[in-house]
Amino acid sequence: MELYERLIKLTEIFTDNSQAKFARSIGLFQQTFHGYLNPDGQQKIRKVVLDAILTTYPEVNRDWLYFGEGAMFTCNNVPEAPTSPHDCQRRITELEAELKEERALNRRLTERLLEMGKN
């Protein structure tokens, strides 16, 4: 995966595909950031831009961002970070269960709102 593709992936994850929001979050203008998102533009990316991404999103793995190596995320910089890969997996499982509960609650609330709208 090329550097510009990794940047696109990060915009998808952190800002729901909004290049403008992502650019602002790292201190760039949207037009400047957009110019980096192609094979030629990625050659113009300076280290300070990558460092801004790592500062703003500390959970991003530096090696993945710079070189495309390793996992996209590291749990070392996440607040209350697990200390071992087993702990990371356990935390992922906990968060997935929490997300499942939130989705179920969201469905119930949506159904209730739809029922109220019918009356």
Protein backbone atom coordinates (compact mmCIF):
# COMPACT_ATOMS: atom_id res chain seq x y z
CA MET A 1 0.00 0.00 0.00
CA GLU A 2 1.42 3.36 -1.04
CA LEU A 3 1.73 6.26 1.40
CA TYR A 4 -1.10 8.22 -0.20
CA GLU A 5 -3.34 5.13 0.12
CA ARG A 6 -2.49 4.90 3.82
CA LEU A 7 -3.48 8.55 4.22
CA ILE A 8 -6.79 7.88 2.48
CA LYS A 9 -7.36 4.93 4.81
CA LEU A 10 -6.77 7.15 7.84
CA THR A 11 -9.28 9.72 6.58
CA GLU A 12 -11.84 6.93 6.20
CA ILE A 13 -11.28 5.73 9.75
CA PHE A 14 -10.84 8.94 11.71
CA THR A 15 -13.01 11.45 9.87
CA ASP A 16 -15.55 9.33 8.02
CA ASN A 17 -13.85 9.99 4.68
CA SER A 18 -13.72 13.77 5.16
CA GLN A 19 -10.44 15.03 3.76
CA ALA A 20 -11.25 18.55 4.99
CA LYS A 21 -11.75 17.40 8.60
CA PHE A 22 -8.65 15.25 8.55
CA ALA A 23 -6.56 18.04 7.02
CA ARG A 24 -7.75 20.52 9.68
CA SER A 25 -7.05 18.01 12.44
CA ILE A 26 -3.38 17.91 11.42
CA GLY A 27 -3.07 21.60 10.67
CA LEU A 28 -3.27 21.58 6.87
CA PHE A 29 -5.56 23.18 4.33
CA GLN A 30 -7.83 20.68 2.58
CA GLN A 31 -6.41 21.59 -0.83
CA THR A 32 -2.86 20.91 0.33
CA PHE A 33 -3.81 17.60 1.87
CA HIS A 34 -5.82 16.58 -1.21
CA GLY A 35 -2.73 17.25 -3.33
CA TYR A 36 -0.88 14.52 -1.44
CA LEU A 37 -3.47 11.83 -2.20
CA ASN A 38 -2.08 10.51 -5.46
CA PRO A 39 1.12 8.78 -6.57
CA ASP A 40 2.84 12.02 -7.64
CA GLY A 41 1.58 14.09 -4.72
CA GLN A 42 2.81 11.64 -2.13
CA GLN A 43 6.36 12.55 -3.16
CA LYS A 44 5.77 16.05 -1.76
CA ILE A 45 4.75 14.91 1.72
CA ARG A 46 7.16 16.22 4.33
CA LYS A 47 8.09 14.50 7.56
CA VAL A 48 6.38 17.28 9.52
CA VAL A 49 3.03 16.19 8.01
CA LEU A 50 3.55 12.59 9.07
CA ASP A 51 4.64 13.71 12.51
CA ALA A 52 1.48 15.82 12.82
CA ILE A 53 -0.59 12.74 12.03
CA LEU A 54 1.23 10.73 14.69
CA THR A 55 0.78 13.53 17.23
CA THR A 56 -2.92 13.96 16.49
CA TYR A 57 -3.61 10.23 16.21
CA PRO A 58 -1.12 8.54 18.56
CA GLU A 59 -2.73 5.15 18.07
CA VAL A 60 -1.38 5.04 14.49
CA ASN A 61 1.67 2.84 14.20
CA ARG A 62 4.65 4.90 13.01
CA ASP A 63 6.14 2.04 10.98
CA TRP A 64 2.84 1.48 9.22
CA LEU A 65 2.44 5.16 8.41
CA TYR A 66 6.00 5.76 7.24
CA PHE A 67 6.81 2.42 5.59
CA GLY A 68 3.61 0.40 5.30
CA GLU A 69 5.04 -2.19 7.70
CA GLY A 70 3.28 -3.81 10.64
CA ALA A 71 -0.20 -3.20 11.97
CA MET A 72 -2.03 0.05 11.29
CA PHE A 73 -2.57 0.68 14.99
CA THR A 74 -0.47 0.23 18.05
CA CYS A 75 -1.92 -0.02 21.51
CA ASN A 76 1.15 1.55 23.15
CA ASN A 77 -0.12 5.13 22.82
CA VAL A 78 -3.79 4.59 23.50
CA PRO A 79 -4.93 5.92 26.87
CA GLU A 80 -5.12 3.09 29.37
CA ALA A 81 -3.23 0.97 26.86
CA PRO A 82 -3.02 -2.78 27.33
CA THR A 83 0.52 -3.95 27.92
CA SER A 84 0.64 -7.17 25.88
CA PRO A 85 -0.81 -8.48 22.62
CA HIS A 86 -3.17 -10.66 24.68
CA ASP A 87 -4.38 -7.55 26.52
CA CYS A 88 -4.88 -5.78 23.18
CA GLN A 89 -7.00 -8.64 21.88
CA ARG A 90 -9.02 -8.73 25.08
CA ARG A 91 -9.63 -4.97 24.82
CA ILE A 92 -10.70 -5.36 21.19
CA THR A 93 -13.16 -8.07 22.23
CA GLU A 94 -14.53 -5.81 24.99
CA LEU A 95 -14.96 -2.90 22.59
CA GLU A 96 -16.66 -5.11 19.99
CA ALA A 97 -19.13 -6.30 22.65
CA GLU A 98 -19.75 -2.70 23.71
CA LEU A 99 -20.35 -1.71 20.09
CA LYS A 100 -22.80 -4.59 19.65
CA GLU A 101 -24.75 -3.42 22.71
CA GLU A 102 -24.80 0.17 21.45
CA ARG A 103 -26.08 -0.94 18.05
CA ALA A 104 -28.86 -2.97 19.68
CA LEU A 105 -29.84 0.02 21.80
CA ASN A 106 -29.80 2.23 18.72
CA ARG A 107 -32.11 -0.20 16.90
CA ARG A 108 -34.56 -0.28 19.83
CA LEU A 109 -34.60 3.51 20.06
CA THR A 110 -35.12 3.84 16.31
CA GLU A 111 -38.02 1.38 16.42
CA ARG A 112 -39.56 3.32 19.31
CA LEU A 113 -39.23 6.62 17.45
CA LEU A 114 -40.81 5.11 14.35
CA GLU A 115 -43.72 3.78 16.42
CA MET A 116 -44.19 7.20 18.04
CA GLY A 117 -44.24 8.80 14.61
CA LYS A 118 -47.06 6.52 13.49
CA ASN A 119 -49.31 7.61 16.34
